[in-house]
Amino acid sequence: MTIQQISVFLENRAGQLAEITSILAAEGINMRALHIAETADYGVLRMIVDKPQRTARLLLEHGFILSMTPVLAVVVPDEPGALGKILTLLAKENIDVEYVYSVFGQVQGQACMIFRVADLDRLAGLLKDNGMPPALHGELGIQDEQK
């Protein structure tokens, strides 16, 4: 049910993101979601890709420092207030959202967001119980890979 997010630590210098996207493009890897967080000294690129294991190996081979983190892709109805309803549900259940960002395109004709919380199984169960099952790998175009 969870998907693997790759977090890559980047120097704050021009061209870092271009280098990563070029490496991925050369290997036919497609990005599904992307978020960059920045500090004064470095940035963190969080991404969802169609081939996470292969992507991690490639970036490590190119000298990047990275980690893989399980996250949940949540289908959000494409209507005003839908995300707010989900966040209100999480607040009522005292589930703290560490971060959230958008997926490129749509899933099932609806918006899709990547959520990171401490207890992903609890989040998945809560959403499912409220008629909002998480997006599946195939719906996001993520391929099953041999490690």
C-alpha atoms as a PDB file:
ATOM      1  CA  MET A   1       0.000   0.000   0.000  1.00  0.00           C
ATOM      2  CA  THR A   2       2.873   2.394   0.716  1.00  0.00           C
ATOM      3  CA  ILE A   3       5.155   3.614  -2.034  1.00  0.00           C
ATOM      4  CA  GLN A   4       8.854   4.426  -1.881  1.00  0.00           C
ATOM      5  CA  GLN A   5       9.918   8.045  -1.933  1.00  0.00           C
ATOM      6  CA  ILE A   6      13.527   8.848  -2.766  1.00  0.00           C
ATOM      7  CA  SER A   7      15.064  11.793  -0.901  1.00  0.00           C
ATOM      8  CA  VAL A   8      18.256  13.119  -2.468  1.00  0.00           C
ATOM      9  CA  PHE A   9      20.486  15.577  -0.634  1.00  0.00           C
ATOM     10  CA  LEU A  10      21.611  18.386  -2.939  1.00  0.00           C
ATOM     11  CA  GLU A  11      24.270  21.048  -2.714  1.00  0.00           C
ATOM     12  CA  ASN A  12      22.898  24.556  -3.136  1.00  0.00           C
ATOM     13  CA  ARG A  13      24.440  25.138  -6.537  1.00  0.00           C
ATOM     14  CA  ALA A  14      23.095  25.607 -10.024  1.00  0.00           C
ATOM     15  CA  GLY A  15      22.578  22.482 -12.094  1.00  0.00           C
ATOM     16  CA  GLN A  16      21.982  19.848  -9.398  1.00  0.00           C
ATOM     17  CA  LEU A  17      18.361  19.194 -10.353  1.00  0.00           C
ATOM     18  CA  ALA A  18      19.211  19.285 -14.057  1.00  0.00           C
ATOM     19  CA  GLU A  19      21.896  16.645 -13.481  1.00  0.00           C
ATOM     20  CA  ILE A  20      19.465  14.323 -11.698  1.00  0.00           C
ATOM     21  CA  THR A  21      16.716  14.724 -14.284  1.00  0.00           C
ATOM     22  CA  SER A  22      19.239  14.066 -17.065  1.00  0.00           C
ATOM     23  CA  ILE A  23      20.425  10.856 -15.378  1.00  0.00           C
ATOM     24  CA  LEU A  24      16.840   9.657 -15.008  1.00  0.00           C
ATOM     25  CA  ALA A  25      15.856  10.605 -18.555  1.00  0.00           C
ATOM     26  CA  ALA A  26      18.864   8.783 -20.025  1.00  0.00           C
ATOM     27  CA  GLU A  27      17.688   5.600 -18.279  1.00  0.00           C
ATOM     28  CA  GLY A  28      14.025   5.993 -19.225  1.00  0.00           C
ATOM     29  CA  ILE A  29      12.898   6.708 -15.666  1.00  0.00           C
ATOM     30  CA  ASN A  30       9.785   8.834 -15.272  1.00  0.00           C
ATOM     31  CA  MET A  31       9.174  11.144 -12.314  1.00  0.00           C
ATOM     32  CA  ARG A  32       5.634  10.980 -10.883  1.00  0.00           C
ATOM     33  CA  ALA A  33       5.979  13.596  -8.129  1.00  0.00           C
ATOM     34  CA  LEU A  34       8.614  16.066  -6.991  1.00  0.00           C
ATOM     35  CA  HIS A  35       9.180  18.386  -4.044  1.00  0.00           C
ATOM     36  CA  ILE A  36      12.245  20.394  -3.056  1.00  0.00           C
ATOM     37  CA  ALA A  37      12.877  21.644   0.478  1.00  0.00           C
ATOM     38  CA  GLU A  38      15.723  24.094   0.949  1.00  0.00           C
ATOM     39  CA  THR A  39      17.949  25.281   3.756  1.00  0.00           C
ATOM     40  CA  ALA A  40      20.817  27.756   3.615  1.00  0.00           C
ATOM     41  CA  ASP A  41      23.386  25.019   2.990  1.00  0.00           C
ATOM     42  CA  TYR A  42      21.615  22.254   1.094  1.00  0.00           C
ATOM     43  CA  GLY A  43      18.368  21.104  -0.430  1.00  0.00           C
ATOM     44  CA  VAL A  44      16.382  17.900  -0.224  1.00  0.00           C
ATOM     45  CA  LEU A  45      14.730  16.595  -3.371  1.00  0.00           C
ATOM     46  CA  ARG A  46      11.833  14.286  -2.572  1.00  0.00           C
ATOM     47  CA  MET A  47      10.524  12.348  -5.543  1.00  0.00           C
ATOM     48  CA  ILE A  48       8.305   9.501  -6.584  1.00  0.00           C
ATOM     49  CA  VAL A  49       9.502   7.686  -9.713  1.00  0.00           C
ATOM     50  CA  ASP A  50       8.234   4.779 -11.773  1.00  0.00           C
ATOM     51  CA  LYS A  51      11.314   2.643 -10.979  1.00  0.00           C
ATOM     52  CA  PRO A  52      12.421   3.472  -7.420  1.00  0.00           C
ATOM     53  CA  GLN A  53      15.012   0.711  -6.865  1.00  0.00           C
ATOM     54  CA  ARG A  54      16.712   1.360 -10.196  1.00  0.00           C
ATOM     55  CA  THR A  55      16.656   5.106  -9.560  1.00  0.00           C
ATOM     56  CA  ALA A  56      18.301   4.708  -6.159  1.00  0.00           C
ATOM     57  CA  ARG A  57      21.067   2.528  -7.611  1.00  0.00           C
ATOM     58  CA  LEU A  58      21.730   4.984 -10.443  1.00  0.00           C
ATOM     59  CA  LEU A  59      21.891   8.036  -8.212  1.00  0.00           C
ATOM     60  CA  LEU A  60      24.181   6.269  -5.733  1.00  0.00           C
ATOM     61  CA  GLU A  61      26.454   5.289  -8.646  1.00  0.00           C
ATOM     62  CA  HIS A  62      26.597   8.976  -9.592  1.00  0.00           C
ATOM     63  CA  GLY A  63      27.681   9.950  -6.078  1.00  0.00           C
ATOM     64  CA  PHE A  64      24.431  11.324  -4.688  1.00  0.00           C
ATOM     65  CA  ILE A  65      23.491  10.812  -1.050  1.00  0.00           C
ATOM     66  CA  LEU A  66      19.932   9.557  -0.680  1.00  0.00           C
ATOM     67  CA  SER A  67      17.446   7.743   1.470  1.00  0.00           C
ATOM     68  CA  MET A  68      14.233   5.863   0.740  1.00  0.00           C
ATOM     69  CA  THR A  69      11.127   6.496   2.803  1.00  0.00           C
ATOM     70  CA  PRO A  70       7.695   4.884   2.685  1.00  0.00           C
ATOM     71  CA  VAL A  71       4.882   7.353   1.973  1.00  0.00           C
ATOM     72  CA  LEU A  72       1.211   7.100   1.081  1.00  0.00           C
ATOM     73  CA  ALA A  73      -0.407   8.381  -2.116  1.00  0.00           C
ATOM     74  CA  VAL A  74      -3.883   9.680  -1.331  1.00  0.00           C
ATOM     75  CA  VAL A  75      -6.490  10.287  -4.021  1.00  0.00           C
ATOM     76  CA  VAL A  76      -8.146  13.647  -3.349  1.00  0.00           C
ATOM     77  CA  PRO A  77     -11.414  14.526  -5.081  1.00  0.00           C
ATOM     78  CA  ASP A  78     -10.842  17.402  -7.506  1.00  0.00           C
ATOM     79  CA  GLU A  79     -13.235  19.788  -5.791  1.00  0.00           C
ATOM     80  CA  PRO A  80     -12.985  22.752  -3.413  1.00  0.00           C
ATOM     81  CA  GLY A  81     -12.443  21.719   0.190  1.00  0.00           C
ATOM     82  CA  ALA A  82     -11.561  18.073  -0.472  1.00  0.00           C
ATOM     83  CA  LEU A  83      -8.012  18.324   0.884  1.00  0.00           C
ATOM     84  CA  GLY A  84      -9.331  20.271   3.868  1.00  0.00           C
ATOM     85  CA  LYS A  85     -11.753  17.448   4.661  1.00  0.00           C
ATOM     86  CA  ILE A  86      -8.904  14.933   4.670  1.00  0.00           C
ATOM     87  CA  LEU A  87      -6.726  17.161   6.847  1.00  0.00           C
ATOM     88  CA  THR A  88      -9.614  17.764   9.268  1.00  0.00           C
ATOM     89  CA  LEU A  89     -10.139  14.003   9.536  1.00  0.00           C
ATOM     90  CA  LEU A  90      -6.443  13.544  10.329  1.00  0.00           C
ATOM     91  CA  ALA A  91      -6.528  16.340  12.910  1.00  0.00           C
ATOM     92  CA  LYS A  92      -9.544  14.776  14.656  1.00  0.00           C
ATOM     93  CA  GLU A  93      -7.608  11.497  14.867  1.00  0.00           C
ATOM     94  CA  ASN A  94      -4.495  13.329  16.115  1.00  0.00           C
ATOM     95  CA  ILE A  95      -2.435  12.265  13.092  1.00  0.00           C
ATOM     96  CA  ASP A  96       0.380  14.747  12.504  1.00  0.00           C
ATOM     97  CA  VAL A  97       1.266  15.372   8.858  1.00  0.00           C
ATOM     98  CA  GLU A  98       5.049  15.593   8.501  1.00  0.00           C
ATOM     99  CA  TYR A  99       4.730  16.795   4.904  1.00  0.00           C
ATOM    100  CA  VAL A 100       2.519  16.563   1.841  1.00  0.00           C
ATOM    101  CA  TYR A 101       3.015  17.354  -1.856  1.00  0.00           C
ATOM    102  CA  SER A 102       1.266  16.848  -5.185  1.00  0.00           C
ATOM    103  CA  VAL A 103       1.622  14.138  -7.802  1.00  0.00           C
ATOM    104  CA  PHE A 104       2.028  15.151 -11.452  1.00  0.00           C
ATOM    105  CA  GLY A 105      -1.216  14.662 -13.384  1.00  0.00           C
ATOM    106  CA  GLN A 106      -4.224  12.853 -11.999  1.00  0.00           C
ATOM    107  CA  VAL A 107      -5.188   9.426 -10.699  1.00  0.00           C
ATOM    108  CA  GLN A 108      -8.643   8.164 -11.642  1.00  0.00           C
ATOM    109  CA  GLY A 109      -9.423  11.697 -12.897  1.00  0.00           C
ATOM    110  CA  GLN A 110      -8.740  13.129  -9.449  1.00  0.00           C
ATOM    111  CA  ALA A 111      -5.922  14.941  -7.701  1.00  0.00           C
ATOM    112  CA  CYS A 112      -3.378  12.869  -5.782  1.00  0.00           C
ATOM    113  CA  MET A 113      -1.170  13.893  -2.882  1.00  0.00           C
ATOM    114  CA  ILE A 114       1.830  12.233  -1.249  1.00  0.00           C
ATOM    115  CA  PHE A 115       1.527  12.099   2.550  1.00  0.00           C
ATOM    116  CA  ARG A 116       4.197  11.343   5.124  1.00  0.00           C
ATOM    117  CA  VAL A 117       2.997  10.611   8.656  1.00  0.00           C
ATOM    118  CA  ALA A 118       4.501   8.581  11.487  1.00  0.00           C
ATOM    119  CA  ASP A 119       1.977   5.736  11.195  1.00  0.00           C
ATOM    120  CA  LEU A 120       1.224   5.081   7.524  1.00  0.00           C
ATOM    121  CA  ASP A 121      -0.812   1.941   8.241  1.00  0.00           C
ATOM    122  CA  ARG A 122      -3.093   3.900  10.550  1.00  0.00           C
ATOM    123  CA  LEU A 123      -3.505   6.618   7.921  1.00  0.00           C
ATOM    124  CA  ALA A 124      -4.287   4.056   5.217  1.00  0.00           C
ATOM    125  CA  GLY A 125      -6.873   2.336   7.408  1.00  0.00           C
ATOM    126  CA  LEU A 126      -8.517   5.607   8.407  1.00  0.00           C
ATOM    127  CA  LEU A 127      -8.779   6.775   4.813  1.00  0.00           C
ATOM    128  CA  LYS A 128     -10.095   3.409   3.641  1.00  0.00           C
ATOM    129  CA  ASP A 129     -12.704   3.383   6.425  1.00  0.00           C
ATOM    130  CA  ASN A 130     -13.833   6.803   5.187  1.00  0.00           C
ATOM    131  CA  GLY A 131     -14.139   5.766   1.532  1.00  0.00           C
ATOM    132  CA  MET A 132     -10.773   7.146   0.405  1.00  0.00           C
ATOM    133  CA  PRO A 133      -8.457   4.198  -0.272  1.00  0.00           C
ATOM    134  CA  PRO A 134      -4.842   5.080  -1.084  1.00  0.00           C
ATOM    135  CA  ALA A 135      -3.688   5.038  -4.705  1.00  0.00           C
ATOM    136  CA  LEU A 136      -2.045   1.818  -5.826  1.00  0.00           C
ATOM    137  CA  HIS A 137       1.368   1.462  -7.488  1.00  0.00           C
ATOM    138  CA  GLY A 138      -0.161   0.774 -10.899  1.00  0.00           C
ATOM    139  CA  GLU A 139      -2.420   3.818 -10.687  1.00  0.00           C
ATOM    140  CA  LEU A 140       0.688   5.963 -10.272  1.00  0.00           C
ATOM    141  CA  GLY A 141       2.631   4.163 -12.997  1.00  0.00           C
ATOM    142  CA  ILE A 142       5.098   2.687 -10.502  1.00  0.00           C
ATOM    143  CA  GLN A 143       6.535  -0.608 -11.665  1.00  0.00           C
ATOM    144  CA  ASP A 144       7.249  -3.576  -9.435  1.00  0.00           C
ATOM    145  CA  GLU A 145      10.985  -4.196  -9.492  1.00  0.00           C
ATOM    146  CA  GLN A 146      13.279  -6.961  -8.376  1.00  0.00           C
ATOM    147  CA  LYS A 147      15.675  -5.574  -5.769  1.00  0.00           C
END
